Amino acid sequence: MDLLAALDGEPPRNYDVVTAGDVFIYVGNLDRVIPSIRRVIRTGGVFAFTVEAAEDDTPALGAADDSGYLLRDSGLYAHSAQYLEKLAALHDFKIQLRRRISLRLKGTAPGPMMGWLDVWRATAPRGSE
């Protein structure tokens, strides 16, 4: 099932918690996903997820690439902390926790694949006060 179709089929503001562990490695652009997630989380609810850290590939991002994510040779996407911060601010989330974590081992490569564990709290939508 398509991620957006699943989210958009849910009633708005229905959940207290949404998690996405190792999901966004398959999705580069989160510009449509994050607002769909916010739509289904009640104000005060929590969104917890992991992403591969794009900061480990800073030279690969290039000076002209401001998308905030990149497709690695592995076929998996990585996201920058700055991109995540922008998305949280735009879509009524407050970042409660960001921790750099070891996500998994990288086959025969030395060391683990590093990523971000983020926990966001849904704030009242702008203009609803």
Protein backbone atom coordinates (compact mmCIF):
# COMPACT_ATOMS: atom_id res chain seq x y z
CA MET A 1 0.00 0.00 0.00
CA ASP A 2 1.22 3.50 -0.80
CA LEU A 3 2.27 5.46 2.29
CA LEU A 4 0.34 8.61 1.34
CA ALA A 5 -2.79 6.67 0.40
CA ALA A 6 -2.74 4.96 3.79
CA LEU A 7 -2.33 8.23 5.68
CA ASP A 8 -4.84 10.17 3.61
CA GLY A 9 -7.42 7.41 4.12
CA GLU A 10 -7.32 7.87 7.90
CA PRO A 11 -9.63 10.25 9.79
CA PRO A 12 -7.93 13.53 10.74
CA ARG A 13 -6.45 13.96 14.25
CA ASN A 14 -7.14 10.36 15.24
CA TYR A 15 -3.84 9.12 16.71
CA ASP A 16 -1.75 9.89 19.79
CA VAL A 17 1.39 8.20 18.42
CA VAL A 18 2.74 7.53 14.92
CA THR A 19 6.04 5.72 14.40
CA ALA A 20 8.16 5.17 11.30
CA GLY A 21 11.28 3.14 12.05
CA ASP A 22 13.43 2.56 8.96
CA VAL A 23 10.60 3.70 6.67
CA PHE A 24 11.93 6.96 5.23
CA ILE A 25 15.02 5.26 3.82
CA TYR A 26 12.64 4.36 0.98
CA VAL A 27 11.22 7.89 0.61
CA GLY A 28 13.37 10.85 -0.37
CA ASN A 29 11.08 13.86 -0.49
CA LEU A 30 9.05 14.08 2.73
CA ASP A 31 7.30 17.33 1.78
CA ARG A 32 3.94 15.56 1.30
CA VAL A 33 4.40 12.81 3.88
CA ILE A 34 4.98 15.00 6.96
CA PRO A 35 1.79 17.09 6.54
CA SER A 36 -0.19 13.87 6.02
CA ILE A 37 1.25 12.48 9.25
CA ARG A 38 0.44 15.72 11.08
CA ARG A 39 -3.13 15.52 9.82
CA VAL A 40 -3.69 12.18 11.59
CA ILE A 41 -1.97 13.06 14.91
CA ARG A 42 -3.90 14.81 17.65
CA THR A 43 -2.42 18.02 19.06
CA GLY A 44 -0.01 16.91 21.78
CA GLY A 45 0.56 13.58 20.04
CA VAL A 46 3.97 12.15 19.23
CA PHE A 47 5.67 11.26 15.96
CA ALA A 48 8.82 9.13 16.34
CA PHE A 49 10.96 8.04 13.38
CA THR A 50 14.43 7.24 12.14
CA VAL A 51 16.32 8.33 9.03
CA GLU A 52 19.82 7.76 7.72
CA ALA A 53 21.93 10.87 8.39
CA ALA A 54 22.77 12.75 5.19
CA GLU A 55 25.45 14.67 7.08
CA ASP A 56 27.71 11.63 6.62
CA ASP A 57 27.63 12.36 2.86
CA THR A 58 28.04 16.15 2.95
CA PRO A 59 30.40 16.22 -0.06
CA ALA A 60 27.87 14.13 -2.01
CA LEU A 61 25.11 16.65 -1.30
CA GLY A 62 26.97 19.34 -3.21
CA ALA A 63 26.75 23.07 -2.63
CA ALA A 64 23.84 23.51 -5.05
CA ASP A 65 21.66 20.73 -3.61
CA ASP A 66 19.32 22.19 -1.02
CA SER A 67 16.71 19.41 -1.12
CA GLY A 68 17.80 18.09 2.28
CA TYR A 69 17.91 14.46 1.18
CA LEU A 70 19.95 12.28 -1.13
CA LEU A 71 19.78 8.86 -2.74
CA ARG A 72 22.80 6.79 -1.77
CA ASP A 73 24.52 4.16 -3.91
CA SER A 74 22.75 1.59 -1.71
CA GLY A 75 19.42 2.74 -3.19
CA LEU A 76 18.35 4.12 0.20
CA TYR A 77 17.66 7.75 1.07
CA ALA A 78 19.38 9.84 3.74
CA HIS A 79 17.99 13.08 5.22
CA SER A 80 19.70 16.06 6.81
CA ALA A 81 18.88 17.37 10.26
CA GLN A 82 18.32 20.81 8.72
CA TYR A 83 15.67 19.42 6.34
CA LEU A 84 13.90 17.68 9.23
CA GLU A 85 13.94 20.90 11.27
CA LYS A 86 12.37 22.80 8.37
CA LEU A 87 9.63 20.21 7.97
CA ALA A 88 8.84 20.17 11.69
CA ALA A 89 8.51 23.95 11.80
CA LEU A 90 6.37 24.13 8.65
CA HIS A 91 3.91 21.46 9.79
CA ASP A 92 3.18 22.25 13.42
CA PHE A 93 5.63 19.94 15.16
CA LYS A 94 8.09 20.72 17.93
CA ILE A 95 11.22 18.57 18.02
CA GLN A 96 11.38 16.96 21.46
CA LEU A 97 14.39 14.72 20.86
CA ARG A 98 17.04 14.22 18.22
CA ARG A 99 19.65 11.59 18.84
CA ARG A 100 22.37 10.30 16.54
CA ILE A 101 22.12 6.52 16.63
CA SER A 102 23.52 3.41 15.02
CA LEU A 103 20.76 2.13 12.72
CA ARG A 104 22.32 -1.07 11.39
CA LEU A 105 25.55 -2.60 10.16
CA LYS A 106 26.54 -1.82 6.56
CA GLY A 107 27.33 -5.29 5.23
CA THR A 108 31.09 -5.68 5.02
CA ALA A 109 31.82 -1.96 5.47
CA PRO A 110 33.51 -1.02 8.74
CA GLY A 111 31.26 0.58 11.30
CA PRO A 112 27.51 1.00 11.54
CA MET A 113 25.13 3.07 9.40
CA MET A 114 24.44 6.20 11.43
CA GLY A 115 21.15 8.01 11.50
CA TRP A 116 18.81 10.27 13.40
CA LEU A 117 16.16 9.18 15.87
CA ASP A 118 13.66 12.03 16.10
CA VAL A 119 10.68 12.44 18.39
CA TRP A 120 8.34 15.31 17.53
CA ARG A 121 5.30 16.60 19.41
CA ALA A 122 2.32 17.90 17.43
CA THR A 123 1.51 21.49 18.34
CA ALA A 124 -1.74 23.35 17.81
CA PRO A 125 -2.14 24.20 14.13
CA ARG A 126 -1.32 27.83 13.32
CA GLY A 127 -4.36 30.04 13.46
CA SER A 128 -6.29 27.69 15.75
CA GLU A 129 -5.66 29.68 18.95
